[in-house]
Amino acid sequence: MHGKVYGKLRVCSMSSESVSHQFRKLLIVDDNKEITDIIEEVARVAGYDVVSVNDFREVKDAYREFEPDLIFLDLDLGLDGDMDMSEKGYDGLALFNFLARIESRSMIVLISGMGKEKIKLTKNIGKEMNLNVVGSFSKPFSIDRIDQLLLKLRR
């Protein structure tokens, strides 16, 4: 296994000698590096090439360069607990707008520490925007659940 660093982007994959099948490409977007590190490790073991982004300003470039099959997207990117969306001005929905504009067909899995109702509402918004929202999970999450989801989506 090896990893490459591009700016603040980390690309991790298994060497081509170790696996003979086509990799799925996963883009993980979360402002919490500990979260991206955990998901990244689980995804590599499940056979994915992975790019992790912890700074929302790098997401568009990472998407264009990596062209992921699957995106794990945190709904609240970098929100300070004392700020509301109008002050911070950016969350996972802003990324939905970008993905809809470029007509992305990447599968999207939402990650959030918010309530199930907000996740459900956001999934519906994504589907209305013709995005391929295929699932979600809440923080804190089970590593086993992430592994099962990744294996299921890899088929």
Protein backbone atom coordinates (compact mmCIF):
# COMPACT_ATOMS: atom_id res chain seq x y z
CA MET A 1 0.00 0.00 0.00
CA HIS A 2 1.13 3.52 -0.64
CA GLY A 3 -0.10 7.06 -0.25
CA LYS A 4 0.51 10.26 -2.15
CA VAL A 5 0.09 13.80 -0.90
CA TYR A 6 -1.09 16.63 -3.16
CA GLY A 7 -1.23 19.87 -1.19
CA LYS A 8 -3.54 18.92 1.64
CA LEU A 9 -5.08 16.07 -0.36
CA ARG A 10 -4.07 12.53 0.49
CA VAL A 11 -4.42 9.81 -2.12
CA CYS A 12 -4.09 6.31 -0.74
CA SER A 13 -4.36 3.07 -2.63
CA MET A 14 -3.08 -0.46 -2.71
CA SER A 15 -0.33 -1.26 -5.17
CA SER A 16 -1.48 -2.68 -8.49
CA GLU A 17 0.44 -5.87 -7.79
CA SER A 18 -1.60 -6.69 -4.69
CA VAL A 19 -5.05 -6.65 -6.33
CA SER A 20 -5.93 -7.42 -9.90
CA HIS A 21 -9.43 -5.87 -10.10
CA GLN A 22 -10.51 -2.32 -10.86
CA PHE A 23 -10.59 -0.05 -7.80
CA ARG A 24 -13.57 2.02 -6.87
CA LYS A 25 -12.57 5.60 -6.18
CA LEU A 26 -13.77 7.16 -2.93
CA LEU A 27 -13.64 10.86 -2.06
CA ILE A 28 -14.07 11.50 1.68
CA VAL A 29 -15.08 15.05 2.60
CA ASP A 30 -15.06 15.85 6.31
CA ASP A 31 -13.46 18.72 8.22
CA ASN A 32 -12.47 16.27 10.98
CA LYS A 33 -9.18 14.59 10.05
CA GLU A 34 -9.71 11.80 12.57
CA ILE A 35 -12.94 10.85 10.79
CA THR A 36 -11.33 10.87 7.34
CA ASP A 37 -8.37 8.83 8.64
CA ILE A 38 -10.67 6.12 10.03
CA ILE A 39 -12.85 5.90 6.92
CA GLU A 40 -9.77 6.03 4.69
CA GLU A 41 -8.20 3.03 6.40
CA VAL A 42 -11.40 0.98 6.26
CA ALA A 43 -11.87 1.90 2.58
CA ARG A 44 -8.34 0.94 1.58
CA VAL A 45 -8.76 -2.48 3.19
CA ALA A 46 -12.07 -2.82 1.30
CA GLY A 47 -10.23 -2.19 -1.99
CA TYR A 48 -10.81 1.49 -2.69
CA ASP A 49 -8.50 4.20 -3.97
CA VAL A 50 -9.10 7.09 -1.59
CA VAL A 51 -8.74 10.86 -1.57
CA SER A 52 -9.50 12.63 1.71
CA VAL A 53 -10.26 16.33 1.90
CA ASN A 54 -10.46 18.19 5.21
CA ASP A 55 -10.74 21.71 3.78
CA PHE A 56 -13.92 22.45 1.80
CA ARG A 57 -12.01 24.90 -0.41
CA GLU A 58 -10.18 21.92 -1.95
CA VAL A 59 -13.21 19.74 -2.66
CA LYS A 60 -13.97 20.95 -6.19
CA ASP A 61 -10.39 20.51 -7.38
CA ALA A 62 -10.17 17.11 -5.70
CA TYR A 63 -13.39 16.01 -7.38
CA ARG A 64 -12.25 17.14 -10.83
CA GLU A 65 -8.80 15.55 -10.52
CA PHE A 66 -9.88 12.27 -8.91
CA GLU A 67 -13.31 11.71 -10.54
CA PRO A 68 -14.66 9.54 -7.71
CA ASP A 69 -17.24 6.78 -8.04
CA LEU A 70 -18.32 7.37 -4.46
CA ILE A 71 -18.33 10.39 -2.13
CA PHE A 72 -18.66 10.29 1.65
CA LEU A 73 -19.87 13.81 2.43
CA ASP A 74 -20.08 15.47 5.82
CA LEU A 75 -23.12 17.75 5.92
CA ASP A 76 -21.60 20.36 8.22
CA LEU A 77 -18.15 21.24 6.97
CA GLY A 78 -16.21 23.40 9.36
CA LEU A 79 -19.17 24.84 11.17
CA ASP A 80 -18.22 26.38 14.45
CA GLY A 81 -20.73 25.57 17.16
CA ASP A 82 -21.32 29.28 17.75
CA MET A 83 -21.97 30.09 14.08
CA ASP A 84 -25.04 29.49 12.01
CA MET A 85 -24.96 28.75 8.27
CA SER A 86 -25.46 32.38 7.28
CA GLU A 87 -22.27 33.33 9.14
CA LYS A 88 -20.14 30.44 7.93
CA GLY A 89 -21.72 30.17 4.51
CA TYR A 90 -20.73 26.61 3.62
CA ASP A 91 -21.95 23.10 4.23
CA GLY A 92 -22.60 19.88 2.37
CA LEU A 93 -25.56 21.40 0.55
CA ALA A 94 -23.26 23.91 -1.13
CA LEU A 95 -21.35 20.92 -2.48
CA PHE A 96 -24.65 19.49 -3.74
CA ASN A 97 -25.03 22.61 -5.90
CA PHE A 98 -21.58 22.07 -7.42
CA LEU A 99 -22.23 18.37 -8.06
CA ALA A 100 -25.62 19.09 -9.64
CA ARG A 101 -24.12 21.80 -11.88
CA ILE A 102 -21.54 19.40 -13.29
CA GLU A 103 -24.13 16.59 -13.49
CA SER A 104 -22.13 14.27 -11.24
CA ARG A 105 -23.11 10.60 -11.29
CA SER A 106 -20.96 9.74 -8.27
CA MET A 107 -22.76 7.83 -5.54
CA ILE A 108 -23.08 10.00 -2.43
CA VAL A 109 -23.22 8.81 1.17
CA LEU A 110 -24.04 11.51 3.71
CA ILE A 111 -22.22 11.70 7.04
CA SER A 112 -23.62 13.78 9.86
CA GLY A 113 -23.80 14.26 13.58
CA MET A 114 -27.19 15.91 13.04
CA GLY A 115 -30.57 14.30 13.61
CA LYS A 116 -32.11 11.71 11.34
CA GLU A 117 -34.72 14.18 10.10
CA LYS A 118 -32.10 16.61 8.76
CA ILE A 119 -30.25 13.73 7.10
CA LYS A 120 -33.49 12.48 5.53
CA LEU A 121 -34.38 15.98 4.32
CA THR A 122 -30.89 16.45 2.85
CA LYS A 123 -31.09 13.08 1.06
CA ASN A 124 -34.38 14.15 -0.49
CA ILE A 125 -32.93 17.49 -1.58
CA GLY A 126 -30.02 15.67 -3.22
CA LYS A 127 -32.37 13.34 -5.08
CA GLU A 128 -34.47 16.30 -6.24
CA MET A 129 -31.26 17.78 -7.65
CA ASN A 130 -30.75 14.52 -9.62
CA LEU A 131 -27.81 13.49 -7.45
CA ASN A 132 -27.14 9.84 -6.76
CA VAL A 133 -27.58 9.88 -2.96
CA VAL A 134 -27.39 6.21 -1.97
CA GLY A 135 -27.18 6.29 1.80
CA SER A 136 -26.19 7.95 5.03
CA PHE A 137 -24.80 7.29 8.46
CA SER A 138 -24.75 9.25 11.66
CA LYS A 139 -21.81 10.20 13.82
CA PRO A 140 -20.67 8.53 15.92
CA PHE A 141 -20.57 5.61 13.51
CA SER A 142 -19.69 1.95 13.59
CA ILE A 143 -16.57 0.91 11.68
CA ASP A 144 -18.33 -2.37 10.84
CA ARG A 145 -21.22 -0.45 9.29
CA ILE A 146 -18.82 1.61 7.16
CA ASP A 147 -17.04 -1.57 6.05
CA GLN A 148 -20.33 -3.29 5.13
CA LEU A 149 -21.53 -0.25 3.20
CA LEU A 150 -18.24 0.07 1.28
CA LEU A 151 -18.26 -3.61 0.35
CA LYS A 152 -21.89 -3.43 -0.76
CA LEU A 153 -21.29 -0.32 -2.91
CA ARG A 154 -18.17 -1.81 -4.49
CA ARG A 155 -20.14 -4.50 -6.32
